[in-house]
């Protein structure tokens, strides 16, 4: 999957973030609440979040859940299994995030602007 996006005319602290979700609809709580970055606080799958509220400022972070943990905006960064710095606010050029999974090698890789952010088996 590949996303291209741009944050325009805003820099600084914010309560928001940009989320990408890969979740099982049959095992995740209904999306009716959408209180967790416009998605479910309990889900079965992968959540990728780009925000400025982490312990080291602007980051892209990923978290896995099997539906048993409930996330909040306050505890989301505690459960991140991988992250990288990402200056995205008030950018004059778009950012591109690419997520790939190689079944043969069981390799999950996330790239930001053609640079590896993280990869894991």
PDB file of N, CA and C in Angstrom:
ATOM      1  N   UNK A   1       0.858  -1.170   0.000  1.00  0.00           N
ATOM      2  CA  UNK A   1       0.000   0.000   0.000  1.00  0.00           C
ATOM      3  C   UNK A   1       0.895   1.220   0.000  1.00  0.00           C
ATOM      4  N   UNK A   2       0.409   2.260  -0.637  1.00  0.00           N
ATOM      5  CA  UNK A   2       1.177   3.501  -0.686  1.00  0.00           C
ATOM      6  C   UNK A   2       0.245   4.688  -0.510  1.00  0.00           C
ATOM      7  N   UNK A   3       0.651   5.628   0.341  1.00  0.00           N
ATOM      8  CA  UNK A   3      -0.108   6.834   0.572  1.00  0.00           C
ATOM      9  C   UNK A   3       0.775   8.041   0.306  1.00  0.00           C
ATOM     10  N   UNK A   4       0.209   9.046  -0.329  1.00  0.00           N
ATOM     11  CA  UNK A   4       0.887  10.316  -0.511  1.00  0.00           C
ATOM     12  C   UNK A   4      -0.009  11.384   0.113  1.00  0.00           C
ATOM     13  N   UNK A   5       0.567  12.207   0.972  1.00  0.00           N
ATOM     14  CA  UNK A   5      -0.208  13.202   1.693  1.00  0.00           C
ATOM     15  C   UNK A   5       0.672  14.421   1.973  1.00  0.00           C
ATOM     16  N   UNK A   6       0.023  15.485   2.412  1.00  0.00           N
ATOM     17  CA  UNK A   6       0.763  16.706   2.726  1.00  0.00           C
ATOM     18  C   UNK A   6       0.034  17.479   3.809  1.00  0.00           C
ATOM     19  N   UNK A   7       0.770  17.988   4.767  1.00  0.00           N
ATOM     20  CA  UNK A   7       0.246  18.863   5.810  1.00  0.00           C
ATOM     21  C   UNK A   7       0.593  20.304   5.417  1.00  0.00           C
ATOM     22  N   UNK A   8      -0.429  21.133   5.278  1.00  0.00           N
ATOM     23  CA  UNK A   8      -0.233  22.488   4.762  1.00  0.00           C
ATOM     24  C   UNK A   8      -0.690  23.525   5.791  1.00  0.00           C
ATOM     25  N   UNK A   9       0.063  24.595   5.908  1.00  0.00           N
ATOM     26  CA  UNK A   9      -0.319  25.767   6.707  1.00  0.00           C
ATOM     27  C   UNK A   9      -0.534  25.483   8.191  1.00  0.00           C
ATOM     28  N   UNK A  10       0.145  24.495   8.747  1.00  0.00           N
ATOM     29  CA  UNK A  10       0.061  24.280  10.184  1.00  0.00           C
ATOM     30  C   UNK A  10       1.350  23.641  10.680  1.00  0.00           C
ATOM     31  N   UNK A  11       1.859  24.186  11.766  1.00  0.00           N
ATOM     32  CA  UNK A  11       3.019  23.611  12.443  1.00  0.00           C
ATOM     33  C   UNK A  11       2.828  23.843  13.935  1.00  0.00           C
ATOM     34  N   UNK A  12       3.163  22.857  14.740  1.00  0.00           N
ATOM     35  CA  UNK A  12       3.029  23.001  16.186  1.00  0.00           C
ATOM     36  C   UNK A  12       2.259  21.848  16.791  1.00  0.00           C
ATOM     37  N   UNK A  13       1.987  21.983  18.089  1.00  0.00           N
ATOM     38  CA  UNK A  13       1.288  20.927  18.815  1.00  0.00           C
ATOM     39  C   UNK A  13      -0.143  20.782  18.309  1.00  0.00           C
ATOM     40  N   UNK A  14      -0.620  19.558  18.355  1.00  0.00           N
ATOM     41  CA  UNK A  14      -1.976  19.258  17.898  1.00  0.00           C
ATOM     42  C   UNK A  14      -2.484  18.010  18.615  1.00  0.00           C
ATOM     43  N   UNK A  15      -3.787  17.894  18.750  1.00  0.00           N
ATOM     44  CA  UNK A  15      -4.394  16.693  19.335  1.00  0.00           C
ATOM     45  C   UNK A  15      -4.579  15.610  18.291  1.00  0.00           C
ATOM     46  N   UNK A  16      -4.415  15.947  17.031  1.00  0.00           N
ATOM     47  CA  UNK A  16      -4.711  15.017  15.945  1.00  0.00           C
ATOM     48  C   UNK A  16      -3.492  14.280  15.451  1.00  0.00           C
ATOM     49  N   UNK A  17      -3.740  13.516  14.443  1.00  0.00           N
ATOM     50  CA  UNK A  17      -2.715  12.748  13.773  1.00  0.00           C
ATOM     51  C   UNK A  17      -3.333  12.127  12.527  1.00  0.00           C
ATOM     52  N   UNK A  18      -2.507  11.501  11.735  1.00  0.00           N
ATOM     53  CA  UNK A  18      -2.975  10.839  10.528  1.00  0.00           C
ATOM     54  C   UNK A  18      -2.810   9.337  10.733  1.00  0.00           C
ATOM     55  N   UNK A  19      -3.913   8.597  10.639  1.00  0.00           N
ATOM     56  CA  UNK A  19      -3.910   7.160  10.894  1.00  0.00           C
ATOM     57  C   UNK A  19      -4.156   6.360   9.635  1.00  0.00           C
ATOM     58  N   UNK A  20      -3.472   5.235   9.555  1.00  0.00           N
ATOM     59  CA  UNK A  20      -3.706   4.233   8.519  1.00  0.00           C
ATOM     60  C   UNK A  20      -4.002   2.928   9.247  1.00  0.00           C
ATOM     61  N   UNK A  21      -5.078   2.267   8.846  1.00  0.00           N
ATOM     62  CA  UNK A  21      -5.564   1.082   9.548  1.00  0.00           C
ATOM     63  C   UNK A  21      -5.568  -0.131   8.625  1.00  0.00           C
ATOM     64  N   UNK A  22      -5.118  -1.263   9.145  1.00  0.00           N
ATOM     65  CA  UNK A  22      -5.267  -2.569   8.504  1.00  0.00           C
ATOM     66  C   UNK A  22      -5.830  -3.481   9.577  1.00  0.00           C
ATOM     67  N   UNK A  23      -7.151  -3.615   9.603  1.00  0.00           N
ATOM     68  CA  UNK A  23      -7.784  -4.358  10.693  1.00  0.00           C
ATOM     69  C   UNK A  23      -8.784  -5.369  10.165  1.00  0.00           C
ATOM     70  N   UNK A  24      -9.015  -6.378  10.982  1.00  0.00           N
ATOM     71  CA  UNK A  24     -10.015  -7.395  10.685  1.00  0.00           C
ATOM     72  C   UNK A  24     -11.368  -6.856  11.132  1.00  0.00           C
ATOM     73  N   UNK A  25     -12.268  -6.681  10.207  1.00  0.00           N
ATOM     74  CA  UNK A  25     -13.593  -6.151  10.543  1.00  0.00           C
ATOM     75  C   UNK A  25     -14.376  -7.120  11.416  1.00  0.00           C
ATOM     76  N   UNK A  26     -14.125  -8.405  11.272  1.00  0.00           N
ATOM     77  CA  UNK A  26     -14.898  -9.386  12.035  1.00  0.00           C
ATOM     78  C   UNK A  26     -14.456  -9.477  13.490  1.00  0.00           C
ATOM     79  N   UNK A  27     -13.216  -9.098  13.793  1.00  0.00           N
ATOM     80  CA  UNK A  27     -12.721  -9.227  15.163  1.00  0.00           C
ATOM     81  C   UNK A  27     -12.589  -7.897  15.883  1.00  0.00           C
ATOM     82  N   UNK A  28     -12.665  -6.784  15.186  1.00  0.00           N
ATOM     83  CA  UNK A  28     -12.500  -5.473  15.798  1.00  0.00           C
ATOM     84  C   UNK A  28     -13.837  -4.949  16.289  1.00  0.00           C
ATOM     85  N   UNK A  29     -13.772  -4.092  17.299  1.00  0.00           N
ATOM     86  CA  UNK A  29     -14.986  -3.452  17.805  1.00  0.00           C
ATOM     87  C   UNK A  29     -15.562  -2.577  16.693  1.00  0.00           C
ATOM     88  N   UNK A  30     -16.853  -2.345  16.699  1.00  0.00           N
ATOM     89  CA  UNK A  30     -17.447  -1.502  15.656  1.00  0.00           C
ATOM     90  C   UNK A  30     -16.787  -0.130  15.612  1.00  0.00           C
ATOM     91  N   UNK A  31     -16.742   0.454  14.431  1.00  0.00           N
ATOM     92  CA  UNK A  31     -16.107   1.752  14.262  1.00  0.00           C
ATOM     93  C   UNK A  31     -16.975   2.906  14.748  1.00  0.00           C
ATOM     94  N   UNK A  32     -18.094   2.605  15.387  1.00  0.00           N
ATOM     95  CA  UNK A  32     -19.033   3.649  15.779  1.00  0.00           C
ATOM     96  C   UNK A  32     -18.396   4.706  16.673  1.00  0.00           C
ATOM     97  N   UNK A  33     -17.498   4.305  17.592  1.00  0.00           N
ATOM     98  CA  UNK A  33     -16.898   5.268  18.510  1.00  0.00           C
ATOM     99  C   UNK A  33     -15.949   6.223  17.827  1.00  0.00           C
ATOM    100  N   UNK A  34     -15.044   5.691  17.055  1.00  0.00           N
ATOM    101  CA  UNK A  34     -14.054   6.465  16.308  1.00  0.00           C
ATOM    102  C   UNK A  34     -13.347   7.511  17.162  1.00  0.00           C
ATOM    103  N   UNK A  35     -13.185   7.248  18.447  1.00  0.00           N
ATOM    104  CA  UNK A  35     -12.557   8.217  19.339  1.00  0.00           C
ATOM    105  C   UNK A  35     -11.031   8.124  19.319  1.00  0.00           C
ATOM    106  N   UNK A  36     -10.497   7.064  18.749  1.00  0.00           N
ATOM    107  CA  UNK A  36      -9.050   6.854  18.721  1.00  0.00           C
ATOM    108  C   UNK A  36      -8.532   7.181  17.319  1.00  0.00           C
ATOM    109  N   UNK A  37      -8.164   8.433  17.094  1.00  0.00           N
ATOM    110  CA  UNK A  37      -7.685   8.899  15.792  1.00  0.00           C
ATOM    111  C   UNK A  37      -8.614   8.467  14.660  1.00  0.00           C
ATOM    112  N   UNK A  38      -9.911   8.656  14.886  1.00  0.00           N
ATOM    113  CA  UNK A  38     -10.978   8.355  13.939  1.00  0.00           C
ATOM    114  C   UNK A  38     -11.113   6.870  13.636  1.00  0.00           C
ATOM    115  N   UNK A  39     -10.742   6.037  14.600  1.00  0.00           N
ATOM    116  CA  UNK A  39     -10.872   4.596  14.447  1.00  0.00           C
ATOM    117  C   UNK A  39     -11.174   3.941  15.783  1.00  0.00           C
ATOM    118  N   UNK A  40     -11.214   2.619  15.806  1.00  0.00           N
ATOM    119  CA  UNK A  40     -11.558   1.904  17.030  1.00  0.00           C
ATOM    120  C   UNK A  40     -10.398   1.874  18.022  1.00  0.00           C
ATOM    121  N   UNK A  41     -10.704   1.980  19.307  1.00  0.00           N
ATOM    122  CA  UNK A  41      -9.661   1.898  20.338  1.00  0.00           C
ATOM    123  C   UNK A  41      -9.250   0.450  20.592  1.00  0.00           C
ATOM    124  N   UNK A  42     -10.122  -0.486  20.237  1.00  0.00           N
ATOM    125  CA  UNK A  42      -9.811  -1.920  20.311  1.00  0.00           C
ATOM    126  C   UNK A  42      -9.946  -2.482  18.907  1.00  0.00           C
ATOM    127  N   UNK A  43      -8.876  -3.115  18.407  1.00  0.00           N
ATOM    128  CA  UNK A  43      -8.896  -3.611  17.038  1.00  0.00           C
ATOM    129  C   UNK A  43      -7.991  -4.821  16.925  1.00  0.00           C
ATOM    130  N   UNK A  44      -8.206  -5.589  15.875  1.00  0.00           N
ATOM    131  CA  UNK A  44      -7.359  -6.725  15.556  1.00  0.00           C
ATOM    132  C   UNK A  44      -6.646  -6.391  14.255  1.00  0.00           C
ATOM    133  N   UNK A  45      -5.361  -6.039  14.348  1.00  0.00           N
ATOM    134  CA  UNK A  45      -4.634  -5.680  13.144  1.00  0.00           C
ATOM    135  C   UNK A  45      -3.485  -4.732  13.415  1.00  0.00           C
ATOM    136  N   UNK A  46      -3.209  -3.901  12.401  1.00  0.00           N
ATOM    137  CA  UNK A  46      -2.080  -2.969  12.420  1.00  0.00           C
ATOM    138  C   UNK A  46      -2.588  -1.535  12.324  1.00  0.00           C
ATOM    139  N   UNK A  47      -2.028  -0.671  13.151  1.00  0.00           N
ATOM    140  CA  UNK A  47      -2.351   0.755  13.128  1.00  0.00           C
ATOM    141  C   UNK A  47      -1.049   1.531  12.940  1.00  0.00           C
ATOM    142  N   UNK A  48      -1.011   2.400  11.945  1.00  0.00           N
ATOM    143  CA  UNK A  48       0.141   3.262  11.690  1.00  0.00           C
ATOM    144  C   UNK A  48      -0.325   4.695  11.935  1.00  0.00           C
ATOM    145  N   UNK A  49       0.413   5.409  12.793  1.00  0.00           N
ATOM    146  CA  UNK A  49       0.028   6.764  13.185  1.00  0.00           C
ATOM    147  C   UNK A  49       1.174   7.733  12.945  1.00  0.00           C
ATOM    148  N   UNK A  50       0.852   8.839  12.290  1.00  0.00           N
ATOM    149  CA  UNK A  50       1.797   9.935  12.125  1.00  0.00           C
ATOM    150  C   UNK A  50       1.272  11.073  12.981  1.00  0.00           C
ATOM    151  N   UNK A  51       2.073  11.494  13.968  1.00  0.00           N
ATOM    152  CA  UNK A  51       1.649  12.589  14.833  1.00  0.00           C
ATOM    153  C   UNK A  51       2.847  13.293  15.449  1.00  0.00           C
ATOM    154  N   UNK A  52       2.559  14.351  16.190  1.00  0.00           N
ATOM    155  CA  UNK A  52       3.610  15.163  16.801  1.00  0.00           C
ATOM    156  C   UNK A  52       3.612  15.022  18.318  1.00  0.00           C
ATOM    157  N   UNK A  53       2.850  14.109  18.872  1.00  0.00           N
ATOM    158  CA  UNK A  53       2.671  14.016  20.314  1.00  0.00           C
ATOM    159  C   UNK A  53       3.536  12.966  20.989  1.00  0.00           C
ATOM    160  N   UNK A  54       4.423  12.334  20.249  1.00  0.00           N
ATOM    161  CA  UNK A  54       5.261  11.295  20.826  1.00  0.00           C
ATOM    162  C   UNK A  54       6.368  11.846  21.700  1.00  0.00           C
ATOM    163  N   UNK A  55       7.111  10.958  22.316  1.00  0.00           N
ATOM    164  CA  UNK A  55       8.178  11.384  23.222  1.00  0.00           C
ATOM    165  C   UNK A  55       9.324  12.114  22.527  1.00  0.00           C
ATOM    166  N   UNK A  56       9.460  11.961  21.208  1.00  0.00           N
ATOM    167  CA  UNK A  56      10.540  12.634  20.480  1.00  0.00           C
ATOM    168  C   UNK A  56       9.999  13.494  19.344  1.00  0.00           C
ATOM    169  N   UNK A  57       8.823  14.065  19.526  1.00  0.00           N
ATOM    170  CA  UNK A  57       8.211  14.994  18.571  1.00  0.00           C
ATOM    171  C   UNK A  57       7.558  14.272  17.394  1.00  0.00           C
ATOM    172  N   UNK A  58       7.737  14.758  16.183  1.00  0.00           N
ATOM    173  CA  UNK A  58       7.032  14.240  15.006  1.00  0.00           C
ATOM    174  C   UNK A  58       7.546  12.864  14.619  1.00  0.00           C
ATOM    175  N   UNK A  59       6.655  11.867  14.698  1.00  0.00           N
ATOM    176  CA  UNK A  59       7.054  10.494  14.391  1.00  0.00           C
ATOM    177  C   UNK A  59       5.978   9.765  13.605  1.00  0.00           C
ATOM    178  N   UNK A  60       6.400   8.706  12.968  1.00  0.00           N
ATOM    179  CA  UNK A  60       5.510   7.704  12.408  1.00  0.00           C
ATOM    180  C   UNK A  60       5.731   6.469  13.266  1.00  0.00           C
ATOM    181  N   UNK A  61       4.673   5.938  13.838  1.00  0.00           N
ATOM    182  CA  UNK A  61       4.787   4.764  14.704  1.00  0.00           C
ATOM    183  C   UNK A  61       3.755   3.722  14.343  1.00  0.00           C
ATOM    184  N   UNK A  62       4.078   2.457  14.618  1.00  0.00           N
ATOM    185  CA  UNK A  62       3.169   1.355  14.299  1.00  0.00           C
ATOM    186  C   UNK A  62       2.913   0.518  15.541  1.00  0.00           C
ATOM    187  N   UNK A  63       1.695   0.006  15.624  1.00  0.00           N
ATOM    188  CA  UNK A  63       1.339  -0.870  16.728  1.00  0.00           C
ATOM    189  C   UNK A  63       0.442  -1.983  16.233  1.00  0.00           C
ATOM    190  N   UNK A  64       0.638  -3.149  16.802  1.00  0.00           N
ATOM    191  CA  UNK A  64      -0.192  -4.317  16.513  1.00  0.00           C
ATOM    192  C   UNK A  64      -1.101  -4.573  17.706  1.00  0.00           C
ATOM    193  N   UNK A  65      -2.256  -5.135  17.435  1.00  0.00           N
ATOM    194  CA  UNK A  65      -3.174  -5.490  18.504  1.00  0.00           C
ATOM    195  C   UNK A  65      -3.964  -6.710  18.064  1.00  0.00           C
ATOM    196  N   UNK A  66      -4.286  -7.552  19.014  1.00  0.00           N
ATOM    197  CA  UNK A  66      -5.110  -8.733  18.723  1.00  0.00           C
ATOM    198  C   UNK A  66      -6.542  -8.536  19.212  1.00  0.00           C
ATOM    199  N   UNK A  67      -6.886  -7.292  19.524  1.00  0.00           N
ATOM    200  CA  UNK A  67      -8.231  -6.979  19.980  1.00  0.00           C
ATOM    201  C   UNK A  67      -8.380  -6.982  21.484  1.00  0.00           C
ATOM    202  N   UNK A  68      -7.334  -7.355  22.214  1.00  0.00           N
ATOM    203  CA  UNK A  68      -7.434  -7.446  23.666  1.00  0.00           C
ATOM    204  C   UNK A  68      -7.022  -6.168  24.382  1.00  0.00           C
ATOM    205  N   UNK A  69      -6.255  -5.307  23.733  1.00  0.00           N
ATOM    206  CA  UNK A  69      -5.795  -4.073  24.356  1.00  0.00           C
ATOM    207  C   UNK A  69      -6.620  -2.903  23.853  1.00  0.00           C
ATOM    208  N   UNK A  70      -6.941  -1.991  24.770  1.00  0.00           N
ATOM    209  CA  UNK A  70      -7.677  -0.784  24.402  1.00  0.00           C
ATOM    210  C   UNK A  70      -6.702   0.389  24.411  1.00  0.00           C
ATOM    211  N   UNK A  71      -6.637   1.117  23.293  1.00  0.00           N
ATOM    212  CA  UNK A  71      -5.718   2.235  23.168  1.00  0.00           C
ATOM    213  C   UNK A  71      -6.432   3.556  23.426  1.00  0.00           C
ATOM    214  N   UNK A  72      -5.677   4.526  23.922  1.00  0.00           N
ATOM    215  CA  UNK A  72      -6.143   5.898  24.065  1.00  0.00           C
ATOM    216  C   UNK A  72      -5.059   6.806  23.488  1.00  0.00           C
ATOM    217  N   UNK A  73      -5.388   8.056  23.282  1.00  0.00           N
ATOM    218  CA  UNK A  73      -4.389   8.999  22.784  1.00  0.00           C
ATOM    219  C   UNK A  73      -3.255   9.175  23.791  1.00  0.00           C
ATOM    220  N   UNK A  74      -3.547   8.931  25.074  1.00  0.00           N
ATOM    221  CA  UNK A  74      -2.535   9.090  26.114  1.00  0.00           C
ATOM    222  C   UNK A  74      -1.561   7.910  26.176  1.00  0.00           C
ATOM    223  N   UNK A  75      -2.008   6.689  25.840  1.00  0.00           N
ATOM    224  CA  UNK A  75      -1.124   5.517  25.976  1.00  0.00           C
ATOM    225  C   UNK A  75      -0.656   4.936  24.646  1.00  0.00           C
ATOM    226  N   UNK A  76      -0.999   5.562  23.547  1.00  0.00           N
ATOM    227  CA  UNK A  76      -0.710   4.993  22.230  1.00  0.00           C
ATOM    228  C   UNK A  76       0.787   4.803  21.991  1.00  0.00           C
ATOM    229  N   UNK A  77       1.607   5.714  22.455  1.00  0.00           N
ATOM    230  CA  UNK A  77       3.039   5.630  22.176  1.00  0.00           C
ATOM    231  C   UNK A  77       3.746   4.572  23.015  1.00  0.00           C
ATOM    232  N   UNK A  78       3.128   4.125  24.097  1.00  0.00           N
ATOM    233  CA  UNK A  78       3.707   3.079  24.945  1.00  0.00           C
ATOM    234  C   UNK A  78       3.710   1.724  24.248  1.00  0.00           C
ATOM    235  N   UNK A  79       2.828   1.526  23.300  1.00  0.00           N
ATOM    236  CA  UNK A  79       2.675   0.228  22.641  1.00  0.00           C
ATOM    237  C   UNK A  79       3.238   0.195  21.232  1.00  0.00           C
ATOM    238  N   UNK A  80       4.026   1.169  20.869  1.00  0.00           N
ATOM    239  CA  UNK A  80       4.601   1.233  19.532  1.00  0.00           C
ATOM    240  C   UNK A  80       5.724   0.212  19.412  1.00  0.00           C
ATOM    241  N   UNK A  81       5.656  -0.648  18.386  1.00  0.00           N
ATOM    242  CA  UNK A  81       6.722  -1.636  18.208  1.00  0.00           C
ATOM    243  C   UNK A  81       7.812  -1.137  17.277  1.00  0.00           C
ATOM    244  N   UNK A  82       7.533  -0.094  16.500  1.00  0.00           N
ATOM    245  CA  UNK A  82       8.540   0.489  15.597  1.00  0.00           C
ATOM    246  C   UNK A  82       8.134   1.914  15.280  1.00  0.00           C
ATOM    247  N   UNK A  83       9.142   2.774  15.102  1.00  0.00           N
ATOM    248  CA  UNK A  83       8.853   4.165  14.756  1.00  0.00           C
ATOM    249  C   UNK A  83      10.069   4.804  14.114  1.00  0.00           C
ATOM    250  N   UNK A  84       9.836   5.966  13.513  1.00  0.00           N
ATOM    251  CA  UNK A  84      10.928   6.773  12.980  1.00  0.00           C
ATOM    252  C   UNK A  84      10.501   8.229  13.019  1.00  0.00           C
ATOM    253  N   UNK A  85      11.482   9.103  13.062  1.00  0.00           N
ATOM    254  CA  UNK A  85      11.199  10.530  13.029  1.00  0.00           C
ATOM    255  C   UNK A  85      10.651  10.906  11.666  1.00  0.00           C
ATOM    256  N   UNK A  86       9.689  11.818  11.664  1.00  0.00           N
ATOM    257  CA  UNK A  86       9.100  12.233  10.390  1.00  0.00           C
ATOM    258  C   UNK A  86       8.613  13.664  10.502  1.00  0.00           C
ATOM    259  N   UNK A  87       9.351  14.594   9.914  1.00  0.00           N
ATOM    260  CA  UNK A  87       8.914  15.978   9.863  1.00  0.00           C
ATOM    261  C   UNK A  87       7.906  16.146   8.743  1.00  0.00           C
ATOM    262  N   UNK A  88       6.667  16.296   9.089  1.00  0.00           N
ATOM    263  CA  UNK A  88       5.606  16.321   8.074  1.00  0.00           C
ATOM    264  C   UNK A  88       4.798  17.605   8.072  1.00  0.00           C
ATOM    265  N   UNK A  89       4.863  18.381   9.153  1.00  0.00           N
ATOM    266  CA  UNK A  89       3.993  19.556   9.249  1.00  0.00           C
ATOM    267  C   UNK A  89       4.475  20.694   8.363  1.00  0.00           C
ATOM    268  N   UNK A  90       3.500  21.391   7.796  1.00  0.00           N
ATOM    269  CA  UNK A  90       3.716  22.565   6.954  1.00  0.00           C
ATOM    270  C   UNK A  90       4.812  22.333   5.921  1.00  0.00           C
ATOM    271  N   UNK A  91       4.669  21.242   5.202  1.00  0.00           N
ATOM    272  CA  UNK A  91       5.666  20.851   4.205  1.00  0.00           C
ATOM    273  C   UNK A  91       5.324  21.423   2.833  1.00  0.00           C
ATOM    274  N   UNK A  92       6.352  21.809   2.108  1.00  0.00           N
ATOM    275  CA  UNK A  92       6.124  22.328   0.759  1.00  0.00           C
ATOM    276  C   UNK A  92       6.024  21.205  -0.274  1.00  0.00           C
ATOM    277  N   UNK A  93       6.378  19.988   0.128  1.00  0.00           N
ATOM    278  CA  UNK A  93       6.276  18.835  -0.770  1.00  0.00           C
ATOM    279  C   UNK A  93       5.506  17.711  -0.076  1.00  0.00           C
ATOM    280  N   UNK A  94       4.803  16.878  -0.824  1.00  0.00           N
ATOM    281  CA  UNK A  94       4.084  15.757  -0.228  1.00  0.00           C
ATOM    282  C   UNK A  94       5.042  14.706   0.336  1.00  0.00           C
ATOM    283  N   UNK A  95       4.543  13.942   1.285  1.00  0.00           N
ATOM    284  CA  UNK A  95       5.263  12.788   1.834  1.00  0.00           C
ATOM    285  C   UNK A  95       4.625  11.528   1.279  1.00  0.00           C
ATOM    286  N   UNK A  96       5.433  10.492   1.099  1.00  0.00           N
ATOM    287  CA  UNK A  96       4.927   9.209   0.625  1.00  0.00           C
ATOM    288  C   UNK A  96       5.313   8.127   1.625  1.00  0.00           C
ATOM    289  N   UNK A  97       4.318   7.369   2.056  1.00  0.00           N
ATOM    290  CA  UNK A  97       4.519   6.246   2.962  1.00  0.00           C
ATOM    291  C   UNK A  97       4.148   4.981   2.209  1.00  0.00           C
ATOM    292  N   UNK A  98       5.044   4.000   2.211  1.00  0.00           N
ATOM    293  CA  UNK A  98       4.817   2.740   1.505  1.00  0.00           C
ATOM    294  C   UNK A  98       4.976   1.588   2.492  1.00  0.00           C
ATOM    295  N   UNK A  99       3.952   0.749   2.582  1.00  0.00           N
ATOM    296  CA  UNK A  99       3.960  -0.421   3.454  1.00  0.00           C
ATOM    297  C   UNK A  99       3.901  -1.664   2.586  1.00  0.00           C
ATOM    298  N   UNK A 100       4.860  -2.566   2.775  1.00  0.00           N
ATOM    299  CA  UNK A 100       4.880  -3.814   2.003  1.00  0.00           C
ATOM    300  C   UNK A 100       5.032  -4.995   2.949  1.00  0.00           C
ATOM    301  N   UNK A 101       4.496  -6.123   2.501  1.00  0.00           N
ATOM    302  CA  UNK A 101       4.651  -7.372   3.242  1.00  0.00           C
ATOM    303  C   UNK A 101       5.036  -8.460   2.257  1.00  0.00           C
ATOM    304  N   UNK A 102       6.153  -9.122   2.531  1.00  0.00           N
ATOM    305  CA  UNK A 102       6.654 -10.220   1.707  1.00  0.00           C
ATOM    306  C   UNK A 102       6.354 -11.519   2.445  1.00  0.00           C
ATOM    307  N   UNK A 103       5.347 -12.255   1.979  1.00  0.00           N
ATOM    308  CA  UNK A 103       4.954 -13.505   2.643  1.00  0.00           C
ATOM    309  C   UNK A 103       6.067 -14.541   2.650  1.00  0.00           C
ATOM    310  N   UNK A 104       6.789 -14.642   1.545  1.00  0.00           N
ATOM    311  CA  UNK A 104       7.848 -15.634   1.431  1.00  0.00           C
ATOM    312  C   UNK A 104       8.919 -15.474   2.492  1.00  0.00           C
ATOM    313  N   UNK A 105       9.250 -14.251   2.817  1.00  0.00           N
ATOM    314  CA  UNK A 105      10.275 -13.968   3.832  1.00  0.00           C
ATOM    315  C   UNK A 105       9.683 -13.463   5.142  1.00  0.00           C
ATOM    316  N   UNK A 106       8.362 -13.392   5.221  1.00  0.00           N
ATOM    317  CA  UNK A 106       7.670 -12.861   6.407  1.00  0.00           C
ATOM    318  C   UNK A 106       8.247 -11.514   6.823  1.00  0.00           C
ATOM    319  N   UNK A 107       8.393 -10.618   5.861  1.00  0.00           N
ATOM    320  CA  UNK A 107       9.026  -9.331   6.115  1.00  0.00           C
ATOM    321  C   UNK A 107       8.029  -8.190   5.920  1.00  0.00           C
ATOM    322  N   UNK A 108       7.791  -7.443   6.985  1.00  0.00           N
ATOM    323  CA  UNK A 108       6.966  -6.248   6.949  1.00  0.00           C
ATOM    324  C   UNK A 108       7.908  -5.048   6.895  1.00  0.00           C
ATOM    325  N   UNK A 109       7.732  -4.187   5.886  1.00  0.00           N
ATOM    326  CA  UNK A 109       8.626  -3.048   5.718  1.00  0.00           C
ATOM    327  C   UNK A 109       7.812  -1.789   5.475  1.00  0.00           C
ATOM    328  N   UNK A 110       8.207  -0.709   6.150  1.00  0.00           N
ATOM    329  CA  UNK A 110       7.568   0.578   5.950  1.00  0.00           C
ATOM    330  C   UNK A 110       8.638   1.588   5.545  1.00  0.00           C
ATOM    331  N   UNK A 111       8.369   2.291   4.449  1.00  0.00           N
ATOM    332  CA  UNK A 111       9.289   3.292   3.932  1.00  0.00           C
ATOM    333  C   UNK A 111       8.608   4.661   3.938  1.00  0.00           C
ATOM    334  N   UNK A 112       9.402   5.689   4.193  1.00  0.00           N
ATOM    335  CA  UNK A 112       8.946   7.072   4.103  1.00  0.00           C
ATOM    336  C   UNK A 112       9.835   7.765   3.080  1.00  0.00           C
ATOM    337  N   UNK A 113       9.227   8.259   2.028  1.00  0.00           N
ATOM    338  CA  UNK A 113       9.964   8.935   0.956  1.00  0.00           C
ATOM    339  C   UNK A 113      11.149   8.094   0.472  1.00  0.00           C
ATOM    340  N   UNK A 114      10.878   6.823   0.217  1.00  0.00           N
ATOM    341  CA  UNK A 114      11.846   5.844  -0.310  1.00  0.00           C
ATOM    342  C   UNK A 114      13.001   5.527   0.622  1.00  0.00           C
ATOM    343  N   UNK A 115      12.862   5.844   1.906  1.00  0.00           N
ATOM    344  CA  UNK A 115      13.858   5.450   2.917  1.00  0.00           C
ATOM    345  C   UNK A 115      13.185   4.516   3.900  1.00  0.00           C
ATOM    346  N   UNK A 116      13.872   3.467   4.299  1.00  0.00           N
ATOM    347  CA  UNK A 116      13.293   2.496   5.232  1.00  0.00           C
ATOM    348  C   UNK A 116      13.117   3.152   6.599  1.00  0.00           C
ATOM    349  N   UNK A 117      11.910   3.146   7.083  1.00  0.00           N
ATOM    350  CA  UNK A 117      11.598   3.605   8.436  1.00  0.00           C
ATOM    351  C   UNK A 117      11.810   2.440   9.391  1.00  0.00           C
ATOM    352  N   UNK A 118      11.208   1.286   9.062  1.00  0.00           N
ATOM    353  CA  UNK A 118      11.451   0.062   9.831  1.00  0.00           C
ATOM    354  C   UNK A 118      11.132  -1.138   8.981  1.00  0.00           C
ATOM    355  N   UNK A 119      11.714  -2.259   9.365  1.00  0.00           N
ATOM    356  CA  UNK A 119      11.358  -3.555   8.790  1.00  0.00           C
ATOM    357  C   UNK A 119      11.516  -4.599   9.870  1.00  0.00           C
ATOM    358  N   UNK A 120      10.635  -5.594   9.836  1.00  0.00           N
ATOM    359  CA  UNK A 120      10.652  -6.621  10.868  1.00  0.00           C
ATOM    360  C   UNK A 120      10.039  -7.908  10.320  1.00  0.00           C
ATOM    361  N   UNK A 121      10.417  -8.998  10.883  1.00  0.00           N
ATOM    362  CA  UNK A 121       9.839 -10.300  10.525  1.00  0.00           C
ATOM    363  C   UNK A 121       8.789 -10.685  11.517  1.00  0.00           C
TER     364      UNK A 121
END
